[in-house]
Amino acid sequence: MTAVRTEEKRPGSARKWRASTRLKALASSHGFTFLEIDISTGVTHQIRAHLEALGHPLLGDPLYGAGQPDPFGLGRQFLHACDLRFRHPRSGLDVSVTSPLPEDLGKVLDRLGIRRPCP
């Protein structure tokens, strides 16, 4: 997947999906930025591709990480959904799910001196 600005046209491109990603920087430390990300679509690899296109790949991302080292030894992407909200496709009811930050990601934030955002 590749992020393409709406005004760009790529001849011979396969399929295209509209995808909107809103980013809010919550904290920065030692060259890392902790983001709140809001997506209104759910395109495959959307967050990862958009961050890579902005020149700020996701920590620990082997595909879109531009070969950046993982100084924390996570062995996985630093990506977690603390709060997920959507409309149920069958019932039409609003669904809200929360999840605490996994301990390994919390330890990275602790090392960076960034407050843990999830309950």
PDB file of N, CA and C in Angstrom:
ATOM      1  N   MET A   1       0.844  -1.176   0.000  1.00  0.00           N
ATOM      2  CA  MET A   1       0.000   0.000   0.000  1.00  0.00           C
ATOM      3  C   MET A   1       0.887   1.236   0.000  1.00  0.00           C
ATOM      4  N   THR A   2       0.412   2.271  -0.647  1.00  0.00           N
ATOM      5  CA  THR A   2       1.147   3.530  -0.725  1.00  0.00           C
ATOM      6  C   THR A   2       0.168   4.676  -0.539  1.00  0.00           C
ATOM      7  N   ALA A   3       0.575   5.676   0.195  1.00  0.00           N
ATOM      8  CA  ALA A   3      -0.262   6.866   0.361  1.00  0.00           C
ATOM      9  C   ALA A   3      -0.075   7.768  -0.842  1.00  0.00           C
ATOM     10  N   VAL A   4      -1.190   8.255  -1.393  1.00  0.00           N
ATOM     11  CA  VAL A   4      -1.163   9.157  -2.539  1.00  0.00           C
ATOM     12  C   VAL A   4      -2.079  10.326  -2.221  1.00  0.00           C
ATOM     13  N   ARG A   5      -1.566  11.536  -2.377  1.00  0.00           N
ATOM     14  CA  ARG A   5      -2.419  12.709  -2.143  1.00  0.00           C
ATOM     15  C   ARG A   5      -3.509  12.748  -3.200  1.00  0.00           C
ATOM     16  N   THR A   6      -4.650  13.300  -2.844  1.00  0.00           N
ATOM     17  CA  THR A   6      -5.797  13.300  -3.747  1.00  0.00           C
ATOM     18  C   THR A   6      -5.499  13.957  -5.081  1.00  0.00           C
ATOM     19  N   GLU A   7      -4.673  15.011  -5.052  1.00  0.00           N
ATOM     20  CA  GLU A   7      -4.394  15.715  -6.305  1.00  0.00           C
ATOM     21  C   GLU A   7      -3.396  14.980  -7.199  1.00  0.00           C
ATOM     22  N   GLU A   8      -2.695  13.987  -6.651  1.00  0.00           N
ATOM     23  CA  GLU A   8      -1.739  13.223  -7.448  1.00  0.00           C
ATOM     24  C   GLU A   8      -2.460  12.176  -8.285  1.00  0.00           C
ATOM     25  N   LYS A   9      -1.968  11.941  -9.449  1.00  0.00           N
ATOM     26  CA  LYS A   9      -2.517  10.872 -10.285  1.00  0.00           C
ATOM     27  C   LYS A   9      -1.362   9.973 -10.679  1.00  0.00           C
ATOM     28  N   ARG A  10      -1.536   8.703 -10.459  1.00  0.00           N
ATOM     29  CA  ARG A  10      -0.499   7.746 -10.816  1.00  0.00           C
ATOM     30  C   ARG A  10      -1.004   6.867 -11.944  1.00  0.00           C
ATOM     31  N   PRO A  11      -0.444   7.034 -13.123  1.00  0.00           N
ATOM     32  CA  PRO A  11      -0.886   6.205 -14.251  1.00  0.00           C
ATOM     33  C   PRO A  11      -0.566   4.735 -13.995  1.00  0.00           C
ATOM     34  N   GLY A  12      -1.502   3.892 -14.376  1.00  0.00           N
ATOM     35  CA  GLY A  12      -1.277   2.459 -14.246  1.00  0.00           C
ATOM     36  C   GLY A  12      -1.435   1.931 -12.835  1.00  0.00           C
ATOM     37  N   SER A  13      -1.874   2.771 -11.895  1.00  0.00           N
ATOM     38  CA  SER A  13      -2.072   2.306 -10.523  1.00  0.00           C
ATOM     39  C   SER A  13      -3.173   1.259 -10.494  1.00  0.00           C
ATOM     40  N   ALA A  14      -3.037   0.352  -9.584  1.00  0.00           N
ATOM     41  CA  ALA A  14      -4.048  -0.689  -9.422  1.00  0.00           C
ATOM     42  C   ALA A  14      -5.319  -0.070  -8.842  1.00  0.00           C
ATOM     43  N   ARG A  15      -5.709  -0.474  -7.669  1.00  0.00           N
ATOM     44  CA  ARG A  15      -6.915   0.057  -7.044  1.00  0.00           C
ATOM     45  C   ARG A  15      -6.560   1.184  -6.096  1.00  0.00           C
ATOM     46  N   LYS A  16      -7.537   2.063  -5.865  1.00  0.00           N
ATOM     47  CA  LYS A  16      -7.339   3.177  -4.937  1.00  0.00           C
ATOM     48  C   LYS A  16      -8.512   3.212  -3.976  1.00  0.00           C
ATOM     49  N   TRP A  17      -8.204   3.549  -2.715  1.00  0.00           N
ATOM     50  CA  TRP A  17      -9.227   3.722  -1.700  1.00  0.00           C
ATOM     51  C   TRP A  17      -9.019   5.062  -1.043  1.00  0.00           C
ATOM     52  N   ARG A  18     -10.101   5.760  -0.785  1.00  0.00           N
ATOM     53  CA  ARG A  18     -10.007   7.006  -0.028  1.00  0.00           C
ATOM     54  C   ARG A  18      -9.760   6.637   1.427  1.00  0.00           C
ATOM     55  N   ALA A  19      -8.813   7.329   2.043  1.00  0.00           N
ATOM     56  CA  ALA A  19      -8.504   7.070   3.444  1.00  0.00           C
ATOM     57  C   ALA A  19      -8.094   8.378   4.107  1.00  0.00           C
ATOM     58  N   SER A  20      -8.738   8.677   5.211  1.00  0.00           N
ATOM     59  CA  SER A  20      -8.447   9.907   5.945  1.00  0.00           C
ATOM     60  C   SER A  20      -7.877   9.553   7.310  1.00  0.00           C
ATOM     61  N   THR A  21      -6.741  10.162   7.648  1.00  0.00           N
ATOM     62  CA  THR A  21      -6.078   9.925   8.929  1.00  0.00           C
ATOM     63  C   THR A  21      -5.781  11.270   9.575  1.00  0.00           C
ATOM     64  N   ARG A  22      -6.277  11.458  10.804  1.00  0.00           N
ATOM     65  CA  ARG A  22      -5.991  12.677  11.553  1.00  0.00           C
ATOM     66  C   ARG A  22      -5.015  12.336  12.669  1.00  0.00           C
ATOM     67  N   LEU A  23      -3.981  13.158  12.800  1.00  0.00           N
ATOM     68  CA  LEU A  23      -2.931  12.919  13.790  1.00  0.00           C
ATOM     69  C   LEU A  23      -2.884  14.065  14.788  1.00  0.00           C
ATOM     70  N   LYS A  24      -2.648  13.713  16.057  1.00  0.00           N
ATOM     71  CA  LYS A  24      -2.469  14.725  17.095  1.00  0.00           C
ATOM     72  C   LYS A  24      -1.281  14.297  17.941  1.00  0.00           C
ATOM     73  N   ALA A  25      -0.258  15.137  17.996  1.00  0.00           N
ATOM     74  CA  ALA A  25       0.929  14.836  18.806  1.00  0.00           C
ATOM     75  C   ALA A  25       0.578  15.051  20.275  1.00  0.00           C
ATOM     76  N   LEU A  26       0.770  14.014  21.085  1.00  0.00           N
ATOM     77  CA  LEU A  26       0.488  14.099  22.513  1.00  0.00           C
ATOM     78  C   LEU A  26       1.746  14.394  23.319  1.00  0.00           C
ATOM     79  N   ALA A  27       2.882  13.862  22.863  1.00  0.00           N
ATOM     80  CA  ALA A  27       4.146  14.068  23.568  1.00  0.00           C
ATOM     81  C   ALA A  27       5.301  13.705  22.645  1.00  0.00           C
ATOM     82  N   SER A  28       6.459  14.314  22.900  1.00  0.00           N
ATOM     83  CA  SER A  28       7.677  13.988  22.157  1.00  0.00           C
ATOM     84  C   SER A  28       8.826  13.831  23.141  1.00  0.00           C
ATOM     85  N   SER A  29       9.732  12.903  22.827  1.00  0.00           N
ATOM     86  CA  SER A  29      10.886  12.685  23.691  1.00  0.00           C
ATOM     87  C   SER A  29      11.938  11.894  22.930  1.00  0.00           C
ATOM     88  N   HIS A  30      13.181  12.353  22.991  1.00  0.00           N
ATOM     89  CA  HIS A  30      14.318  11.648  22.397  1.00  0.00           C
ATOM     90  C   HIS A  30      14.093  11.255  20.926  1.00  0.00           C
ATOM     91  N   GLY A  31      13.480  12.136  20.162  1.00  0.00           N
ATOM     92  CA  GLY A  31      13.276  11.888  18.738  1.00  0.00           C
ATOM     93  C   GLY A  31      12.067  11.037  18.403  1.00  0.00           C
ATOM     94  N   PHE A  32      11.243  10.718  19.393  1.00  0.00           N
ATOM     95  CA  PHE A  32      10.026   9.931  19.172  1.00  0.00           C
ATOM     96  C   PHE A  32       8.826  10.807  19.512  1.00  0.00           C
ATOM     97  N   THR A  33       7.730  10.619  18.783  1.00  0.00           N
ATOM     98  CA  THR A  33       6.503  11.362  19.049  1.00  0.00           C
ATOM     99  C   THR A  33       5.374  10.374  19.283  1.00  0.00           C
ATOM    100  N   PHE A  34       4.657  10.589  20.370  1.00  0.00           N
ATOM    101  CA  PHE A  34       3.515   9.746  20.709  1.00  0.00           C
ATOM    102  C   PHE A  34       2.281  10.419  20.139  1.00  0.00           C
ATOM    103  N   LEU A  35       1.540   9.713  19.300  1.00  0.00           N
ATOM    104  CA  LEU A  35       0.417  10.291  18.569  1.00  0.00           C
ATOM    105  C   LEU A  35      -0.925   9.706  18.984  1.00  0.00           C
ATOM    106  N   GLU A  36      -1.942  10.558  18.905  1.00  0.00           N
ATOM    107  CA  GLU A  36      -3.323  10.095  18.924  1.00  0.00           C
ATOM    108  C   GLU A  36      -3.744  10.097  17.465  1.00  0.00           C
ATOM    109  N   ILE A  37      -4.287   8.993  17.003  1.00  0.00           N
ATOM    110  CA  ILE A  37      -4.631   8.871  15.587  1.00  0.00           C
ATOM    111  C   ILE A  37      -6.113   8.553  15.463  1.00  0.00           C
ATOM    112  N   ASP A  38      -6.770   9.280  14.584  1.00  0.00           N
ATOM    113  CA  ASP A  38      -8.194   9.082  14.350  1.00  0.00           C
ATOM    114  C   ASP A  38      -8.383   8.784  12.867  1.00  0.00           C
ATOM    115  N   ILE A  39      -8.981   7.648  12.585  1.00  0.00           N
ATOM    116  CA  ILE A  39      -9.260   7.298  11.189  1.00  0.00           C
ATOM    117  C   ILE A  39     -10.771   7.178  11.013  1.00  0.00           C
ATOM    118  N   SER A  40     -11.263   7.636   9.881  1.00  0.00           N
ATOM    119  CA  SER A  40     -12.693   7.512   9.593  1.00  0.00           C
ATOM    120  C   SER A  40     -12.935   6.417   8.562  1.00  0.00           C
ATOM    121  N   THR A  41     -11.866   5.820   8.116  1.00  0.00           N
ATOM    122  CA  THR A  41     -11.945   4.709   7.166  1.00  0.00           C
ATOM    123  C   THR A  41     -11.141   3.557   7.755  1.00  0.00           C
ATOM    124  N   GLY A  42     -11.100   2.458   7.091  1.00  0.00           N
ATOM    125  CA  GLY A  42     -10.340   1.335   7.608  1.00  0.00           C
ATOM    126  C   GLY A  42      -9.608   0.614   6.492  1.00  0.00           C
ATOM    127  N   VAL A  43      -8.789   1.339   5.773  1.00  0.00           N
ATOM    128  CA  VAL A  43      -8.055   0.767   4.656  1.00  0.00           C
ATOM    129  C   VAL A  43      -6.840  -0.010   5.181  1.00  0.00           C
ATOM    130  N   THR A  44      -6.548  -1.130   4.573  1.00  0.00           N
ATOM    131  CA  THR A  44      -5.418  -1.962   4.979  1.00  0.00           C
ATOM    132  C   THR A  44      -4.135  -1.152   5.083  1.00  0.00           C
ATOM    133  N   HIS A  45      -3.455  -1.266   6.214  1.00  0.00           N
ATOM    134  CA  HIS A  45      -2.173  -0.600   6.483  1.00  0.00           C
ATOM    135  C   HIS A  45      -2.284   0.921   6.472  1.00  0.00           C
ATOM    136  N   GLN A  46      -3.488   1.458   6.614  1.00  0.00           N
ATOM    137  CA  GLN A  46      -3.712   2.901   6.487  1.00  0.00           C
ATOM    138  C   GLN A  46      -2.791   3.722   7.383  1.00  0.00           C
ATOM    139  N   ILE A  47      -2.782   3.445   8.668  1.00  0.00           N
ATOM    140  CA  ILE A  47      -1.968   4.236   9.596  1.00  0.00           C
ATOM    141  C   ILE A  47      -0.490   4.099   9.249  1.00  0.00           C
ATOM    142  N   ARG A  48      -0.058   2.878   9.009  1.00  0.00           N
ATOM    143  CA  ARG A  48       1.347   2.624   8.719  1.00  0.00           C
ATOM    144  C   ARG A  48       1.792   3.321   7.432  1.00  0.00           C
ATOM    145  N   ALA A  49       0.987   3.228   6.387  1.00  0.00           N
ATOM    146  CA  ALA A  49       1.344   3.843   5.100  1.00  0.00           C
ATOM    147  C   ALA A  49       1.336   5.360   5.186  1.00  0.00           C
ATOM    148  N   HIS A  50       0.361   5.931   5.902  1.00  0.00           N
ATOM    149  CA  HIS A  50       0.295   7.382   6.009  1.00  0.00           C
ATOM    150  C   HIS A  50       1.470   7.928   6.821  1.00  0.00           C
ATOM    151  N   LEU A  51       1.819   7.267   7.927  1.00  0.00           N
ATOM    152  CA  LEU A  51       2.967   7.732   8.712  1.00  0.00           C
ATOM    153  C   LEU A  51       4.261   7.633   7.910  1.00  0.00           C
ATOM    154  N   GLU A  52       4.415   6.562   7.171  1.00  0.00           N
ATOM    155  CA  GLU A  52       5.621   6.402   6.335  1.00  0.00           C
ATOM    156  C   GLU A  52       5.674   7.488   5.265  1.00  0.00           C
ATOM    157  N   ALA A  53       4.526   7.806   4.668  1.00  0.00           N
ATOM    158  CA  ALA A  53       4.481   8.840   3.623  1.00  0.00           C
ATOM    159  C   ALA A  53       4.836  10.223   4.181  1.00  0.00           C
ATOM    160  N   LEU A  54       4.561  10.438   5.462  1.00  0.00           N
ATOM    161  CA  LEU A  54       4.897  11.704   6.104  1.00  0.00           C
ATOM    162  C   LEU A  54       6.353  11.759   6.554  1.00  0.00           C
ATOM    163  N   GLY A  55       7.052  10.626   6.408  1.00  0.00           N
ATOM    164  CA  GLY A  55       8.452  10.573   6.814  1.00  0.00           C
ATOM    165  C   GLY A  55       8.640  10.254   8.290  1.00  0.00           C
ATOM    166  N   HIS A  56       7.598   9.746   8.925  1.00  0.00           N
ATOM    167  CA  HIS A  56       7.640   9.398  10.342  1.00  0.00           C
ATOM    168  C   HIS A  56       7.080   7.998  10.542  1.00  0.00           C
ATOM    169  N   PRO A  57       7.842   6.984  10.140  1.00  0.00           N
ATOM    170  CA  PRO A  57       7.318   5.614  10.218  1.00  0.00           C
ATOM    171  C   PRO A  57       7.068   5.166  11.655  1.00  0.00           C
ATOM    172  N   LEU A  58       6.183   4.236  11.780  1.00  0.00           N
ATOM    173  CA  LEU A  58       5.813   3.648  13.063  1.00  0.00           C
ATOM    174  C   LEU A  58       6.992   2.871  13.639  1.00  0.00           C
ATOM    175  N   LEU A  59       7.259   3.065  14.927  1.00  0.00           N
ATOM    176  CA  LEU A  59       8.341   2.354  15.591  1.00  0.00           C
ATOM    177  C   LEU A  59       8.119   0.842  15.488  1.00  0.00           C
ATOM    178  N   GLY A  60       9.142   0.135  15.033  1.00  0.00           N
ATOM    179  CA  GLY A  60       9.092  -1.314  14.954  1.00  0.00           C
ATOM    180  C   GLY A  60       8.370  -1.874  13.744  1.00  0.00           C
ATOM    181  N   ASP A  61       8.036  -1.044  12.766  1.00  0.00           N
ATOM    182  CA  ASP A  61       7.307  -1.514  11.586  1.00  0.00           C
ATOM    183  C   ASP A  61       8.281  -2.087  10.565  1.00  0.00           C
ATOM    184  N   PRO A  62       8.244  -3.407  10.344  1.00  0.00           N
ATOM    185  CA  PRO A  62       9.199  -4.021   9.424  1.00  0.00           C
ATOM    186  C   PRO A  62       8.920  -3.709   7.951  1.00  0.00           C
ATOM    187  N   LEU A  63       7.671  -3.385   7.609  1.00  0.00           N
ATOM    188  CA  LEU A  63       7.324  -3.142   6.213  1.00  0.00           C
ATOM    189  C   LEU A  63       7.444  -1.667   5.834  1.00  0.00           C
ATOM    190  N   TYR A  64       6.911  -0.780   6.658  1.00  0.00           N
ATOM    191  CA  TYR A  64       6.896   0.646   6.349  1.00  0.00           C
ATOM    192  C   TYR A  64       7.908   1.424   7.183  1.00  0.00           C
ATOM    193  N   GLY A  65       8.720   0.761   7.948  1.00  0.00           N
ATOM    194  CA  GLY A  65       9.630   1.415   8.881  1.00  0.00           C
ATOM    195  C   GLY A  65      10.896   1.973   8.283  1.00  0.00           C
ATOM    196  N   ALA A  66      11.076   1.877   6.997  1.00  0.00           N
ATOM    197  CA  ALA A  66      12.232   2.448   6.299  1.00  0.00           C
ATOM    198  C   ALA A  66      13.554   1.971   6.895  1.00  0.00           C
ATOM    199  N   GLY A  67      13.572   0.748   7.405  1.00  0.00           N
ATOM    200  CA  GLY A  67      14.801   0.184   7.941  1.00  0.00           C
ATOM    201  C   GLY A  67      15.265   0.812   9.238  1.00  0.00           C
ATOM    202  N   GLN A  68      14.374   1.563   9.896  1.00  0.00           N
ATOM    203  CA  GLN A  68      14.729   2.208  11.161  1.00  0.00           C
ATOM    204  C   GLN A  68      14.947   1.151  12.241  1.00  0.00           C
ATOM    205  N   PRO A  69      15.985   1.306  13.050  1.00  0.00           N
ATOM    206  CA  PRO A  69      16.228   0.335  14.121  1.00  0.00           C
ATOM    207  C   PRO A  69      15.188   0.479  15.235  1.00  0.00           C
ATOM    208  N   ASP A  70      15.001  -0.595  15.977  1.00  0.00           N
ATOM    209  CA  ASP A  70      14.095  -0.594  17.125  1.00  0.00           C
ATOM    210  C   ASP A  70      14.959  -0.586  18.383  1.00  0.00           C
ATOM    211  N   PRO A  71      15.276   0.595  18.920  1.00  0.00           N
ATOM    212  CA  PRO A  71      16.187   0.674  20.060  1.00  0.00           C
ATOM    213  C   PRO A  71      15.610   0.095  21.356  1.00  0.00           C
ATOM    214  N   PHE A  72      14.330  -0.233  21.353  1.00  0.00           N
ATOM    215  CA  PHE A  72      13.694  -0.749  22.558  1.00  0.00           C
ATOM    216  C   PHE A  72      13.532  -2.266  22.539  1.00  0.00           C
ATOM    217  N   GLY A  73      13.891  -2.904  21.412  1.00  0.00           N
ATOM    218  CA  GLY A  73      13.784  -4.353  21.311  1.00  0.00           C
ATOM    219  C   GLY A  73      12.365  -4.859  21.420  1.00  0.00           C
ATOM    220  N   LEU A  74      11.401  -4.098  20.919  1.00  0.00           N
ATOM    221  CA  LEU A  74      10.001  -4.511  20.993  1.00  0.00           C
ATOM    222  C   LEU A  74       9.731  -5.791  20.209  1.00  0.00           C
ATOM    223  N   GLY A  75      10.302  -5.868  19.011  1.00  0.00           N
ATOM    224  CA  GLY A  75      10.028  -7.019  18.158  1.00  0.00           C
ATOM    225  C   GLY A  75       8.651  -6.973  17.535  1.00  0.00           C
ATOM    226  N   ARG A  76       8.021  -5.805  17.587  1.00  0.00           N
ATOM    227  CA  ARG A  76       6.698  -5.611  16.973  1.00  0.00           C
ATOM    228  C   ARG A  76       6.465  -4.119  16.789  1.00  0.00           C
ATOM    229  N   GLN A  77       5.354  -3.787  16.154  1.00  0.00           N
ATOM    230  CA  GLN A  77       5.011  -2.386  15.923  1.00  0.00           C
ATOM    231  C   GLN A  77       4.488  -1.740  17.200  1.00  0.00           C
ATOM    232  N   PHE A  78       4.839  -0.489  17.392  1.00  0.00           N
ATOM    233  CA  PHE A  78       4.271   0.266  18.505  1.00  0.00           C
ATOM    234  C   PHE A  78       2.956   0.856  18.005  1.00  0.00           C
ATOM    235  N   LEU A  79       1.910   0.053  18.059  1.00  0.00           N
ATOM    236  CA  LEU A  79       0.593   0.454  17.586  1.00  0.00           C
ATOM    237  C   LEU A  79      -0.436  -0.211  18.483  1.00  0.00           C
ATOM    238  N   HIS A  80      -1.337   0.588  19.043  1.00  0.00           N
ATOM    239  CA  HIS A  80      -2.343   0.044  19.950  1.00  0.00           C
ATOM    240  C   HIS A  80      -3.601   0.893  19.901  1.00  0.00           C
ATOM    241  N   ALA A  81      -4.754   0.245  19.922  1.00  0.00           N
ATOM    242  CA  ALA A  81      -6.034   0.949  19.963  1.00  0.00           C
ATOM    243  C   ALA A  81      -6.532   0.985  21.401  1.00  0.00           C
ATOM    244  N   CYS A  82      -6.369   2.134  22.062  1.00  0.00           N
ATOM    245  CA  CYS A  82      -6.875   2.313  23.434  1.00  0.00           C
ATOM    246  C   CYS A  82      -8.389   2.435  23.429  1.00  0.00           C
ATOM    247  N   ASP A  83      -8.889   3.105  22.408  1.00  0.00           N
ATOM    248  CA  ASP A  83     -10.312   3.411  22.327  1.00  0.00           C
ATOM    249  C   ASP A  83     -10.751   3.216  20.884  1.00  0.00           C
ATOM    250  N   LEU A  84     -11.707   2.340  20.697  1.00  0.00           N
ATOM    251  CA  LEU A  84     -12.192   2.039  19.351  1.00  0.00           C
ATOM    252  C   LEU A  84     -13.699   2.252  19.345  1.00  0.00           C
ATOM    253  N   ARG A  85     -14.172   3.088  18.417  1.00  0.00           N
ATOM    254  CA  ARG A  85     -15.609   3.357  18.316  1.00  0.00           C
ATOM    255  C   ARG A  85     -16.057   3.205  16.871  1.00  0.00           C
ATOM    256  N   PHE A  86     -17.202   2.557  16.701  1.00  0.00           N
ATOM    257  CA  PHE A  86     -17.739   2.381  15.356  1.00  0.00           C
ATOM    258  C   PHE A  86     -19.230   2.069  15.448  1.00  0.00           C
ATOM    259  N   ARG A  87     -19.908   2.190  14.333  1.00  0.00           N
ATOM    260  CA  ARG A  87     -21.319   1.829  14.254  1.00  0.00           C
ATOM    261  C   ARG A  87     -21.400   0.375  13.796  1.00  0.00           C
ATOM    262  N   HIS A  88     -22.130  -0.434  14.543  1.00  0.00           N
ATOM    263  CA  HIS A  88     -22.266  -1.852  14.208  1.00  0.00           C
ATOM    264  C   HIS A  88     -22.951  -1.979  12.850  1.00  0.00           C
ATOM    265  N   PRO A  89     -22.384  -2.779  11.941  1.00  0.00           N
ATOM    266  CA  PRO A  89     -22.930  -2.843  10.578  1.00  0.00           C
ATOM    267  C   PRO A  89     -24.334  -3.445  10.477  1.00  0.00           C
ATOM    268  N   ARG A  90     -24.713  -4.294  11.402  1.00  0.00           N
ATOM    269  CA  ARG A  90     -26.055  -4.913  11.327  1.00  0.00           C
ATOM    270  C   ARG A  90     -27.078  -4.170  12.171  1.00  0.00           C
ATOM    271  N   SER A  91     -26.731  -3.895  13.429  1.00  0.00           N
ATOM    272  CA  SER A  91     -27.712  -3.290  14.342  1.00  0.00           C
ATOM    273  C   SER A  91     -27.770  -1.770  14.194  1.00  0.00           C
ATOM    274  N   GLY A  92     -26.687  -1.165  13.705  1.00  0.00           N
ATOM    275  CA  GLY A  92     -26.643   0.288  13.607  1.00  0.00           C
ATOM    276  C   GLY A  92     -26.334   0.968  14.928  1.00  0.00           C
ATOM    277  N   LEU A  93     -26.136   0.176  15.984  1.00  0.00           N
ATOM    278  CA  LEU A  93     -25.826   0.735  17.298  1.00  0.00           C
ATOM    279  C   LEU A  93     -24.369   1.171  17.371  1.00  0.00           C
ATOM    280  N   ASP A  94     -24.109   2.205  18.166  1.00  0.00           N
ATOM    281  CA  ASP A  94     -22.736   2.649  18.391  1.00  0.00           C
ATOM    282  C   ASP A  94     -22.049   1.664  19.331  1.00  0.00           C
ATOM    283  N   VAL A  95     -20.842   1.254  18.974  1.00  0.00           N
ATOM    284  CA  VAL A  95     -20.049   0.327  19.778  1.00  0.00           C
ATOM    285  C   VAL A  95     -18.795   1.056  20.227  1.00  0.00           C
ATOM    286  N   SER A  96     -18.446   0.912  21.501  1.00  0.00           N
ATOM    287  CA  SER A  96     -17.238   1.521  22.045  1.00  0.00           C
ATOM    288  C   SER A  96     -16.481   0.469  22.846  1.00  0.00           C
ATOM    289  N   VAL A  97     -15.200   0.307  22.526  1.00  0.00           N
ATOM    290  CA  VAL A  97     -14.368  -0.689  23.190  1.00  0.00           C
ATOM    291  C   VAL A  97     -13.086   0.008  23.646  1.00  0.00           C
ATOM    292  N   THR A  98     -12.656  -0.276  24.871  1.00  0.00           N
ATOM    293  CA  THR A  98     -11.394   0.264  25.354  1.00  0.00           C
ATOM    294  C   THR A  98     -10.470  -0.881  25.734  1.00  0.00           C
ATOM    295  N   SER A  99      -9.181  -0.615  25.688  1.00  0.00           N
ATOM    296  CA  SER A  99      -8.186  -1.635  25.995  1.00  0.00           C
ATOM    297  C   SER A  99      -6.978  -0.964  26.644  1.00  0.00           C
ATOM    298  N   PRO A 100      -6.507  -1.501  27.764  1.00  0.00           N
ATOM    299  CA  PRO A 100      -5.321  -0.909  28.391  1.00  0.00           C
ATOM    300  C   PRO A 100      -4.086  -1.102  27.516  1.00  0.00           C
ATOM    301  N   LEU A 101      -3.143  -0.205  27.677  1.00  0.00           N
ATOM    302  CA  LEU A 101      -1.888  -0.286  26.931  1.00  0.00           C
ATOM    303  C   LEU A 101      -1.118  -1.532  27.376  1.00  0.00           C
ATOM    304  N   PRO A 102      -0.659  -2.354  26.447  1.00  0.00           N
ATOM    305  CA  PRO A 102       0.137  -3.530  26.822  1.00  0.00           C
ATOM    306  C   PRO A 102       1.408  -3.116  27.567  1.00  0.00           C
ATOM    307  N   GLU A 103       1.844  -3.953  28.457  1.00  0.00           N
ATOM    308  CA  GLU A 103       2.980  -3.644  29.326  1.00  0.00           C
ATOM    309  C   GLU A 103       4.248  -3.318  28.539  1.00  0.00           C
ATOM    310  N   ASP A 104       4.515  -4.047  27.439  1.00  0.00           N
ATOM    311  CA  ASP A 104       5.746  -3.779  26.690  1.00  0.00           C
ATOM    312  C   ASP A 104       5.753  -2.375  26.094  1.00  0.00           C
ATOM    313  N   LEU A 105       4.595  -1.900  25.633  1.00  0.00           N
ATOM    314  CA  LEU A 105       4.516  -0.544  25.092  1.00  0.00           C
ATOM    315  C   LEU A 105       4.594   0.480  26.226  1.00  0.00           C
ATOM    316  N   GLY A 106       4.002   0.162  27.357  1.00  0.00           N
ATOM    317  CA  GLY A 106       4.072   1.042  28.515  1.00  0.00           C
ATOM    318  C   GLY A 106       5.502   1.239  28.994  1.00  0.00           C
ATOM    319  N   LYS A 107       6.301   0.187  28.937  1.00  0.00           N
ATOM    320  CA  LYS A 107       7.704   0.286  29.353  1.00  0.00           C
ATOM    321  C   LYS A 107       8.494   1.223  28.433  1.00  0.00           C
ATOM    322  N   VAL A 108       8.154   1.204  27.140  1.00  0.00           N
ATOM    323  CA  VAL A 108       8.815   2.120  26.203  1.00  0.00           C
ATOM    324  C   VAL A 108       8.473   3.560  26.578  1.00  0.00           C
ATOM    325  N   LEU A 109       7.196   3.824  26.848  1.00  0.00           N
ATOM    326  CA  LEU A 109       6.795   5.177  27.240  1.00  0.00           C
ATOM    327  C   LEU A 109       7.471   5.590  28.540  1.00  0.00           C
ATOM    328  N   ASP A 110       7.572   4.659  29.477  1.00  0.00           N
ATOM    329  CA  ASP A 110       8.253   4.957  30.745  1.00  0.00           C
ATOM    330  C   ASP A 110       9.707   5.360  30.491  1.00  0.00           C
ATOM    331  N   ARG A 111      10.391   4.617  29.636  1.00  0.00           N
ATOM    332  CA  ARG A 111      11.796   4.931  29.317  1.00  0.00           C
ATOM    333  C   ARG A 111      11.934   6.296  28.666  1.00  0.00           C
ATOM    334  N   LEU A 112      10.916   6.692  27.904  1.00  0.00           N
ATOM    335  CA  LEU A 112      10.941   7.992  27.235  1.00  0.00           C
ATOM    336  C   LEU A 112      10.402   9.113  28.123  1.00  0.00           C
ATOM    337  N   GLY A 113       9.870   8.762  29.283  1.00  0.00           N
ATOM    338  CA  GLY A 113       9.301   9.770  30.173  1.00  0.00           C
ATOM    339  C   GLY A 113       7.981  10.315  29.701  1.00  0.00           C
ATOM    340  N   ILE A 114       7.215   9.507  28.976  1.00  0.00           N
ATOM    341  CA  ILE A 114       5.917   9.925  28.456  1.00  0.00           C
ATOM    342  C   ILE A 114       4.825   9.239  29.280  1.00  0.00           C
ATOM    343  N   ARG A 115       3.849  10.029  29.696  1.00  0.00           N
ATOM    344  CA  ARG A 115       2.734   9.517  30.500  1.00  0.00           C
ATOM    345  C   ARG A 115       1.911   8.510  29.706  1.00  0.00           C
ATOM    346  N   ARG A 116       1.534   7.421  30.350  1.00  0.00           N
ATOM    347  CA  ARG A 116       0.708   6.395  29.694  1.00  0.00           C
ATOM    348  C   ARG A 116      -0.718   6.920  29.512  1.00  0.00           C
ATOM    349  N   PRO A 117      -1.249   6.841  28.269  1.00  0.00           N
ATOM    350  CA  PRO A 117      -2.553   7.435  27.981  1.00  0.00           C
ATOM    351  C   PRO A 117      -3.752   6.527  28.258  1.00  0.00           C
ATOM    352  N   CYS A 118      -3.562   5.225  28.183  1.00  0.00           N
ATOM    353  CA  CYS A 118      -4.685   4.304  28.300  1.00  0.00           C
ATOM    354  C   CYS A 118      -4.924   3.947  29.758  1.00  0.00           C
ATOM    355  N   PRO A 119      -6.176   3.651  30.090  1.00  0.00           N
ATOM    356  CA  PRO A 119      -6.498   3.257  31.468  1.00  0.00           C
ATOM    357  C   PRO A 119      -5.776   1.982  31.871  1.00  0.00           C
TER     358      PRO A 119
END
